[in-house]
Amino acid sequence: MSTREGRTLLTRRDAVRREPLSTGRKVLLGCGIAASVLYAAGNDLLAAFLYAGYSPLSQAISELTSPGAPTRTSLVVMGFLYDALILAFGIGVRRSAGGSRALRVVGALLIAHAAVGPLWLPFPMSARGAPTPPGSLTDTMHLVLGGLTVLIMLSMLGAGAAAFGRGFRLYSVLTALAVLGFGAWMSSYVPAVPAGEPTPWMGLAERLMIWAWLLWMVVLAVLLLRDSPARPDPGPRDSGGGG
């Protein structure tokens, strides 16, 4: 029994019967990997080619979609594609949940994350140096959406930790700590932005926070693609006649 449990991180609390993955479910789960790669690579690649002078180390990701930024249009389009991929991934996770309520919650939170995505569009971060009054509605709502997104991420990590085996549970906890730690580091620079003060490591802190969560999504997708739970195991059957 210990040998069987040691073979995979996907050791479920509830017994499950395995079924071959359908092509459709493979595509849906693969969208989680695609979304992570798109977000991680897309932002910085576009910044490198289209936004002269932008520093991924010191500037926030949201500055790439600030009004007047040369990357705004491209990243808005990319954002809709990312949200669509996350939505598909959430559906795939729910279809792969079997008897796991916690895994169904992870799928629902992914869908919620995708639904929040378009709400960022009318509330972009003000460009540095722009004549924006302190505490403007746009910047306030941008911060609110940022907090909501982090809350969804942490809830997802918590549900994932409850759904899977010991190895993935530990990995989820470490990822949550990374999100909290790097998020706190990034947040320490937020007051400096409207004040026009330097934010030397703000971009790095934000990227490390997001990359930790994106990597968690990739691991989740790979585990489900490799060994997806299909439905609850009805348990051993009675062999029929008395012996």
C-alpha atoms as a PDB file:
ATOM      1  CA  MET A   1       0.000   0.000   0.000  1.00  0.00           C
ATOM      2  CA  SER A   2       2.820   2.393   0.812  1.00  0.00           C
ATOM      3  CA  THR A   3       4.476   1.432  -2.490  1.00  0.00           C
ATOM      4  CA  ARG A   4       1.341   2.316  -4.390  1.00  0.00           C
ATOM      5  CA  GLU A   5       0.990   5.663  -2.608  1.00  0.00           C
ATOM      6  CA  GLY A   6       4.624   6.497  -3.224  1.00  0.00           C
ATOM      7  CA  ARG A   7       4.244   6.138  -6.971  1.00  0.00           C
ATOM      8  CA  THR A   8       2.371   9.382  -7.465  1.00  0.00           C
ATOM      9  CA  LEU A   9       1.649  12.732  -5.897  1.00  0.00           C
ATOM     10  CA  LEU A  10      -1.956  12.235  -6.907  1.00  0.00           C
ATOM     11  CA  THR A  11      -2.854  10.092  -3.886  1.00  0.00           C
ATOM     12  CA  ARG A  12      -6.502  10.837  -3.252  1.00  0.00           C
ATOM     13  CA  ARG A  13      -8.276  10.812   0.098  1.00  0.00           C
ATOM     14  CA  ASP A  14     -11.218   9.184  -1.615  1.00  0.00           C
ATOM     15  CA  ALA A  15     -10.725   5.976  -3.573  1.00  0.00           C
ATOM     16  CA  VAL A  16     -11.189   6.435  -7.306  1.00  0.00           C
ATOM     17  CA  ARG A  17     -11.393   4.276 -10.357  1.00  0.00           C
ATOM     18  CA  ARG A  18      -9.129   5.413 -13.203  1.00  0.00           C
ATOM     19  CA  GLU A  19     -10.407   5.920 -16.723  1.00  0.00           C
ATOM     20  CA  PRO A  20      -8.550   6.822 -19.919  1.00  0.00           C
ATOM     21  CA  LEU A  21      -8.707  10.552 -20.598  1.00  0.00           C
ATOM     22  CA  SER A  22     -10.813  11.622 -23.546  1.00  0.00           C
ATOM     23  CA  THR A  23      -9.215  13.880 -26.139  1.00  0.00           C
ATOM     24  CA  GLY A  24     -11.538  16.699 -25.126  1.00  0.00           C
ATOM     25  CA  ARG A  25     -10.502  16.492 -21.476  1.00  0.00           C
ATOM     26  CA  LYS A  26      -6.828  16.374 -22.448  1.00  0.00           C
ATOM     27  CA  VAL A  27      -7.287  19.576 -24.431  1.00  0.00           C
ATOM     28  CA  LEU A  28      -9.080  21.280 -21.533  1.00  0.00           C
ATOM     29  CA  LEU A  29      -6.377  20.307 -19.046  1.00  0.00           C
ATOM     30  CA  GLY A  30      -3.662  21.309 -21.495  1.00  0.00           C
ATOM     31  CA  CYS A  31      -5.153  24.793 -21.518  1.00  0.00           C
ATOM     32  CA  GLY A  32      -3.805  25.238 -17.981  1.00  0.00           C
ATOM     33  CA  ILE A  33      -0.254  24.730 -19.221  1.00  0.00           C
ATOM     34  CA  ALA A  34      -0.858  26.976 -22.233  1.00  0.00           C
ATOM     35  CA  ALA A  35      -2.303  29.754 -20.054  1.00  0.00           C
ATOM     36  CA  SER A  36       0.686  29.673 -17.710  1.00  0.00           C
ATOM     37  CA  VAL A  37       3.225  29.824 -20.529  1.00  0.00           C
ATOM     38  CA  LEU A  38       1.282  32.570 -22.296  1.00  0.00           C
ATOM     39  CA  TYR A  39       1.136  34.763 -19.199  1.00  0.00           C
ATOM     40  CA  ALA A  40       4.707  34.191 -18.038  1.00  0.00           C
ATOM     41  CA  ALA A  41       6.352  34.603 -21.429  1.00  0.00           C
ATOM     42  CA  GLY A  42       3.932  36.979 -23.119  1.00  0.00           C
ATOM     43  CA  ASN A  43       4.253  39.884 -20.719  1.00  0.00           C
ATOM     44  CA  ASP A  44       8.027  40.065 -20.677  1.00  0.00           C
ATOM     45  CA  LEU A  45       8.535  39.227 -24.352  1.00  0.00           C
ATOM     46  CA  LEU A  46       6.158  41.992 -25.382  1.00  0.00           C
ATOM     47  CA  ALA A  47       7.789  44.341 -22.911  1.00  0.00           C
ATOM     48  CA  ALA A  48      11.228  43.579 -24.338  1.00  0.00           C
ATOM     49  CA  PHE A  49      10.209  44.172 -27.947  1.00  0.00           C
ATOM     50  CA  LEU A  50       7.573  46.904 -27.681  1.00  0.00           C
ATOM     51  CA  TYR A  51       8.223  48.909 -24.517  1.00  0.00           C
ATOM     52  CA  ALA A  52      11.592  50.645 -24.594  1.00  0.00           C
ATOM     53  CA  GLY A  53      12.850  51.501 -21.136  1.00  0.00           C
ATOM     54  CA  TYR A  54      10.476  49.200 -19.267  1.00  0.00           C
ATOM     55  CA  SER A  55      12.187  47.300 -16.432  1.00  0.00           C
ATOM     56  CA  PRO A  56      10.736  43.906 -15.424  1.00  0.00           C
ATOM     57  CA  LEU A  57      12.716  44.178 -12.186  1.00  0.00           C
ATOM     58  CA  SER A  58      11.387  47.507 -10.963  1.00  0.00           C
ATOM     59  CA  GLN A  59       8.052  48.022 -12.733  1.00  0.00           C
ATOM     60  CA  ALA A  60       4.730  46.287 -12.159  1.00  0.00           C
ATOM     61  CA  ILE A  61       3.165  44.034 -14.765  1.00  0.00           C
ATOM     62  CA  SER A  62       0.097  46.294 -14.739  1.00  0.00           C
ATOM     63  CA  GLU A  63       2.203  49.141 -16.108  1.00  0.00           C
ATOM     64  CA  LEU A  64       2.293  47.260 -19.404  1.00  0.00           C
ATOM     65  CA  THR A  65      -1.440  47.981 -19.785  1.00  0.00           C
ATOM     66  CA  SER A  66      -1.444  51.536 -18.408  1.00  0.00           C
ATOM     67  CA  PRO A  67      -3.073  54.169 -20.656  1.00  0.00           C
ATOM     68  CA  GLY A  68      -0.541  55.206 -23.277  1.00  0.00           C
ATOM     69  CA  ALA A  69       1.689  52.144 -22.862  1.00  0.00           C
ATOM     70  CA  PRO A  70       2.799  50.764 -26.265  1.00  0.00           C
ATOM     71  CA  THR A  71       1.995  47.251 -25.048  1.00  0.00           C
ATOM     72  CA  ARG A  72      -1.555  47.966 -23.875  1.00  0.00           C
ATOM     73  CA  THR A  73      -3.471  46.830 -26.970  1.00  0.00           C
ATOM     74  CA  SER A  74      -1.422  43.655 -27.423  1.00  0.00           C
ATOM     75  CA  LEU A  75      -1.700  42.673 -23.777  1.00  0.00           C
ATOM     76  CA  VAL A  76      -5.436  43.363 -23.623  1.00  0.00           C
ATOM     77  CA  VAL A  77      -5.894  40.906 -26.499  1.00  0.00           C
ATOM     78  CA  MET A  78      -3.546  38.443 -24.809  1.00  0.00           C
ATOM     79  CA  GLY A  79      -5.511  38.870 -21.581  1.00  0.00           C
ATOM     80  CA  PHE A  80      -8.750  37.746 -23.217  1.00  0.00           C
ATOM     81  CA  LEU A  81      -6.971  34.678 -24.614  1.00  0.00           C
ATOM     82  CA  TYR A  82      -5.499  33.932 -21.177  1.00  0.00           C
ATOM     83  CA  ASP A  83      -8.941  34.201 -19.554  1.00  0.00           C
ATOM     84  CA  ALA A  84     -10.398  31.830 -22.154  1.00  0.00           C
ATOM     85  CA  LEU A  85      -7.640  29.286 -21.483  1.00  0.00           C
ATOM     86  CA  ILE A  86      -8.160  29.539 -17.706  1.00  0.00           C
ATOM     87  CA  LEU A  87     -11.911  29.067 -18.183  1.00  0.00           C
ATOM     88  CA  ALA A  88     -11.301  25.942 -20.266  1.00  0.00           C
ATOM     89  CA  PHE A  89      -8.829  24.637 -17.689  1.00  0.00           C
ATOM     90  CA  GLY A  90     -11.329  25.174 -14.889  1.00  0.00           C
ATOM     91  CA  ILE A  91     -13.924  23.172 -16.802  1.00  0.00           C
ATOM     92  CA  GLY A  92     -11.354  20.439 -17.393  1.00  0.00           C
ATOM     93  CA  VAL A  93     -10.443  20.266 -13.704  1.00  0.00           C
ATOM     94  CA  ARG A  94     -14.097  19.979 -12.693  1.00  0.00           C
ATOM     95  CA  ARG A  95     -14.657  17.209 -15.236  1.00  0.00           C
ATOM     96  CA  SER A  96     -11.624  15.392 -13.836  1.00  0.00           C
ATOM     97  CA  ALA A  97     -12.655  15.796 -10.200  1.00  0.00           C
ATOM     98  CA  GLY A  98     -14.343  12.442  -9.740  1.00  0.00           C
ATOM     99  CA  GLY A  99     -15.616  12.253  -6.172  1.00  0.00           C
ATOM    100  CA  SER A 100     -13.348  15.017  -4.877  1.00  0.00           C
ATOM    101  CA  ARG A 101     -15.334  18.026  -3.686  1.00  0.00           C
ATOM    102  CA  ALA A 102     -12.113  19.956  -3.092  1.00  0.00           C
ATOM    103  CA  LEU A 103     -10.987  19.419  -6.675  1.00  0.00           C
ATOM    104  CA  ARG A 104     -14.351  20.634  -7.926  1.00  0.00           C
ATOM    105  CA  VAL A 105     -13.786  23.760  -5.825  1.00  0.00           C
ATOM    106  CA  VAL A 106     -10.411  24.267  -7.529  1.00  0.00           C
ATOM    107  CA  GLY A 107     -12.160  24.111 -10.899  1.00  0.00           C
ATOM    108  CA  ALA A 108     -14.829  26.564  -9.779  1.00  0.00           C
ATOM    109  CA  LEU A 109     -12.177  28.988  -8.510  1.00  0.00           C
ATOM    110  CA  LEU A 110     -10.362  28.789 -11.841  1.00  0.00           C
ATOM    111  CA  ILE A 111     -13.616  29.707 -13.574  1.00  0.00           C
ATOM    112  CA  ALA A 112     -14.079  32.589 -11.119  1.00  0.00           C
ATOM    113  CA  HIS A 113     -10.527  33.753 -11.851  1.00  0.00           C
ATOM    114  CA  ALA A 114     -11.327  33.791 -15.562  1.00  0.00           C
ATOM    115  CA  ALA A 115     -14.525  35.762 -14.896  1.00  0.00           C
ATOM    116  CA  VAL A 116     -12.608  38.432 -12.964  1.00  0.00           C
ATOM    117  CA  GLY A 117     -10.180  38.925 -15.849  1.00  0.00           C
ATOM    118  CA  PRO A 118     -12.302  41.243 -18.053  1.00  0.00           C
ATOM    119  CA  LEU A 119     -13.092  43.439 -15.036  1.00  0.00           C
ATOM    120  CA  TRP A 120      -9.528  44.768 -15.139  1.00  0.00           C
ATOM    121  CA  LEU A 121     -10.111  46.416 -18.528  1.00  0.00           C
ATOM    122  CA  PRO A 122     -11.932  49.584 -17.330  1.00  0.00           C
ATOM    123  CA  PHE A 123      -9.597  49.963 -14.345  1.00  0.00           C
ATOM    124  CA  PRO A 124      -6.009  50.090 -15.628  1.00  0.00           C
ATOM    125  CA  MET A 125      -3.149  51.198 -13.419  1.00  0.00           C
ATOM    126  CA  SER A 126      -2.328  54.863 -13.986  1.00  0.00           C
ATOM    127  CA  ALA A 127       0.956  55.477 -15.756  1.00  0.00           C
ATOM    128  CA  ARG A 128       3.787  56.728 -13.585  1.00  0.00           C
ATOM    129  CA  GLY A 129       3.952  60.485 -13.640  1.00  0.00           C
ATOM    130  CA  ALA A 130       0.416  60.834 -15.005  1.00  0.00           C
ATOM    131  CA  PRO A 131      -1.657  63.688 -13.502  1.00  0.00           C
ATOM    132  CA  THR A 132      -3.980  61.337 -11.629  1.00  0.00           C
ATOM    133  CA  PRO A 133      -5.518  62.479  -8.323  1.00  0.00           C
ATOM    134  CA  PRO A 134      -4.525  60.340  -5.309  1.00  0.00           C
ATOM    135  CA  GLY A 135      -7.067  57.644  -4.512  1.00  0.00           C
ATOM    136  CA  SER A 136      -8.727  57.806  -7.934  1.00  0.00           C
ATOM    137  CA  LEU A 137     -11.529  55.322  -8.591  1.00  0.00           C
ATOM    138  CA  THR A 138      -9.529  53.651 -11.356  1.00  0.00           C
ATOM    139  CA  ASP A 139      -6.462  52.997  -9.228  1.00  0.00           C
ATOM    140  CA  THR A 140      -8.538  52.033  -6.191  1.00  0.00           C
ATOM    141  CA  MET A 141     -10.524  49.467  -8.169  1.00  0.00           C
ATOM    142  CA  HIS A 142      -7.295  48.196  -9.710  1.00  0.00           C
ATOM    143  CA  LEU A 143      -5.944  47.481  -6.223  1.00  0.00           C
ATOM    144  CA  VAL A 144      -9.248  45.874  -5.176  1.00  0.00           C
ATOM    145  CA  LEU A 145      -9.145  43.541  -8.177  1.00  0.00           C
ATOM    146  CA  GLY A 146      -5.538  42.716  -7.376  1.00  0.00           C
ATOM    147  CA  GLY A 147      -6.480  41.764  -3.825  1.00  0.00           C
ATOM    148  CA  LEU A 148      -9.430  39.694  -5.061  1.00  0.00           C
ATOM    149  CA  THR A 149      -7.205  37.848  -7.522  1.00  0.00           C
ATOM    150  CA  VAL A 150      -4.672  36.965  -4.822  1.00  0.00           C
ATOM    151  CA  LEU A 151      -7.518  35.768  -2.575  1.00  0.00           C
ATOM    152  CA  ILE A 152      -8.763  33.482  -5.361  1.00  0.00           C
ATOM    153  CA  MET A 153      -5.232  32.178  -5.903  1.00  0.00           C
ATOM    154  CA  LEU A 154      -4.745  31.381  -2.212  1.00  0.00           C
ATOM    155  CA  SER A 155      -8.184  29.748  -1.968  1.00  0.00           C
ATOM    156  CA  MET A 156      -7.298  27.602  -4.957  1.00  0.00           C
ATOM    157  CA  LEU A 157      -4.036  26.526  -3.348  1.00  0.00           C
ATOM    158  CA  GLY A 158      -5.867  25.669  -0.137  1.00  0.00           C
ATOM    159  CA  ALA A 159      -8.472  23.584  -1.931  1.00  0.00           C
ATOM    160  CA  GLY A 160      -5.783  21.834  -3.968  1.00  0.00           C
ATOM    161  CA  ALA A 161      -3.885  20.978  -0.804  1.00  0.00           C
ATOM    162  CA  ALA A 162      -7.015  19.389   0.648  1.00  0.00           C
ATOM    163  CA  ALA A 163      -7.774  17.366  -2.475  1.00  0.00           C
ATOM    164  CA  PHE A 164      -4.496  15.589  -3.190  1.00  0.00           C
ATOM    165  CA  GLY A 165      -1.865  13.515  -1.461  1.00  0.00           C
ATOM    166  CA  ARG A 166       0.893  14.479   0.951  1.00  0.00           C
ATOM    167  CA  GLY A 167       3.462  15.551  -1.642  1.00  0.00           C
ATOM    168  CA  PHE A 168       1.143  17.879  -3.508  1.00  0.00           C
ATOM    169  CA  ARG A 169      -0.281  19.137  -0.214  1.00  0.00           C
ATOM    170  CA  LEU A 170       3.184  20.221   0.925  1.00  0.00           C
ATOM    171  CA  TYR A 171       3.905  21.755  -2.469  1.00  0.00           C
ATOM    172  CA  SER A 172       0.627  23.711  -2.334  1.00  0.00           C
ATOM    173  CA  VAL A 173       1.442  25.039   1.145  1.00  0.00           C
ATOM    174  CA  LEU A 174       4.919  26.138   0.029  1.00  0.00           C
ATOM    175  CA  THR A 175       3.412  27.819  -3.026  1.00  0.00           C
ATOM    176  CA  ALA A 176       0.895  29.650  -0.841  1.00  0.00           C
ATOM    177  CA  LEU A 177       3.727  30.861   1.402  1.00  0.00           C
ATOM    178  CA  ALA A 178       5.617  32.056  -1.674  1.00  0.00           C
ATOM    179  CA  VAL A 179       2.554  33.937  -2.924  1.00  0.00           C
ATOM    180  CA  LEU A 180       2.081  35.576   0.478  1.00  0.00           C
ATOM    181  CA  GLY A 181       5.758  36.405   0.915  1.00  0.00           C
ATOM    182  CA  PHE A 182       6.398  37.829  -2.531  1.00  0.00           C
ATOM    183  CA  GLY A 183       3.007  39.546  -2.458  1.00  0.00           C
ATOM    184  CA  ALA A 184       3.922  41.315   0.780  1.00  0.00           C
ATOM    185  CA  TRP A 185       7.277  42.315  -0.699  1.00  0.00           C
ATOM    186  CA  MET A 186       5.589  43.745  -3.783  1.00  0.00           C
ATOM    187  CA  SER A 187       2.935  45.537  -1.714  1.00  0.00           C
ATOM    188  CA  SER A 188       5.624  47.339   0.264  1.00  0.00           C
ATOM    189  CA  TYR A 189       6.407  49.322  -2.895  1.00  0.00           C
ATOM    190  CA  VAL A 190       2.811  50.306  -3.718  1.00  0.00           C
ATOM    191  CA  PRO A 191       2.829  53.629  -1.789  1.00  0.00           C
ATOM    192  CA  ALA A 192       5.981  54.674  -3.649  1.00  0.00           C
ATOM    193  CA  VAL A 193       4.324  54.532  -7.085  1.00  0.00           C
ATOM    194  CA  PRO A 194       1.951  57.547  -6.793  1.00  0.00           C
ATOM    195  CA  ALA A 195       4.650  59.389  -4.849  1.00  0.00           C
ATOM    196  CA  GLY A 196       7.011  59.060  -7.807  1.00  0.00           C
ATOM    197  CA  GLU A 197       9.633  57.281  -5.720  1.00  0.00           C
ATOM    198  CA  PRO A 198      11.838  54.395  -6.941  1.00  0.00           C
ATOM    199  CA  THR A 199      10.510  50.830  -6.708  1.00  0.00           C
ATOM    200  CA  PRO A 200      13.728  48.866  -7.365  1.00  0.00           C
ATOM    201  CA  TRP A 201      12.395  45.309  -6.923  1.00  0.00           C
ATOM    202  CA  MET A 202       8.644  45.716  -7.331  1.00  0.00           C
ATOM    203  CA  GLY A 203       8.500  43.986 -10.711  1.00  0.00           C
ATOM    204  CA  LEU A 204      10.649  41.070  -9.589  1.00  0.00           C
ATOM    205  CA  ALA A 205       8.573  40.514  -6.446  1.00  0.00           C
ATOM    206  CA  GLU A 206       5.318  40.528  -8.424  1.00  0.00           C
ATOM    207  CA  ARG A 207       6.673  38.168 -11.045  1.00  0.00           C
ATOM    208  CA  LEU A 208       7.979  35.699  -8.476  1.00  0.00           C
ATOM    209  CA  MET A 209       4.566  35.723  -6.789  1.00  0.00           C
ATOM    210  CA  ILE A 210       2.711  35.061 -10.031  1.00  0.00           C
ATOM    211  CA  TRP A 211       5.240  32.590 -11.429  1.00  0.00           C
ATOM    212  CA  ALA A 212       4.935  30.474  -8.262  1.00  0.00           C
ATOM    213  CA  TRP A 213       1.195  30.182  -8.816  1.00  0.00           C
ATOM    214  CA  LEU A 214       1.511  29.606 -12.569  1.00  0.00           C
ATOM    215  CA  LEU A 215       3.963  26.763 -11.921  1.00  0.00           C
ATOM    216  CA  TRP A 216       1.463  25.250  -9.476  1.00  0.00           C
ATOM    217  CA  MET A 217      -1.162  25.282 -12.233  1.00  0.00           C
ATOM    218  CA  VAL A 218       1.237  23.516 -14.602  1.00  0.00           C
ATOM    219  CA  VAL A 219       1.943  20.817 -12.006  1.00  0.00           C
ATOM    220  CA  LEU A 220      -1.788  20.390 -11.378  1.00  0.00           C
ATOM    221  CA  ALA A 221      -2.462  20.001 -15.099  1.00  0.00           C
ATOM    222  CA  VAL A 222       0.375  17.494 -15.560  1.00  0.00           C
ATOM    223  CA  LEU A 223      -0.808  15.384 -12.633  1.00  0.00           C
ATOM    224  CA  LEU A 224      -4.360  15.269 -13.921  1.00  0.00           C
ATOM    225  CA  LEU A 225      -3.194  14.493 -17.446  1.00  0.00           C
ATOM    226  CA  ARG A 226      -1.024  11.674 -16.131  1.00  0.00           C
ATOM    227  CA  ASP A 227      -3.387  10.097 -13.643  1.00  0.00           C
ATOM    228  CA  SER A 228      -6.841  11.644 -13.729  1.00  0.00           C
ATOM    229  CA  PRO A 229      -9.513  10.490 -11.282  1.00  0.00           C
ATOM    230  CA  ALA A 230     -12.673   9.677 -13.167  1.00  0.00           C
ATOM    231  CA  ARG A 231     -15.326   8.794 -10.612  1.00  0.00           C
ATOM    232  CA  PRO A 232     -15.655   7.369  -7.111  1.00  0.00           C
ATOM    233  CA  ASP A 233     -14.793   3.711  -6.752  1.00  0.00           C
ATOM    234  CA  PRO A 234     -17.917   1.814  -5.695  1.00  0.00           C
ATOM    235  CA  GLY A 235     -15.709  -0.449  -3.597  1.00  0.00           C
ATOM    236  CA  PRO A 236     -15.253  -4.234  -3.703  1.00  0.00           C
ATOM    237  CA  ARG A 237     -18.156  -6.146  -5.118  1.00  0.00           C
ATOM    238  CA  ASP A 238     -19.757  -9.169  -3.567  1.00  0.00           C
ATOM    239  CA  SER A 239     -18.649 -12.203  -5.509  1.00  0.00           C
ATOM    240  CA  GLY A 240     -22.087 -13.699  -5.475  1.00  0.00           C
ATOM    241  CA  GLY A 241     -22.702 -17.072  -3.861  1.00  0.00           C
ATOM    242  CA  GLY A 242     -21.705 -18.075  -0.379  1.00  0.00           C
ATOM    243  CA  GLY A 243     -18.530 -19.966   0.004  1.00  0.00           C
END
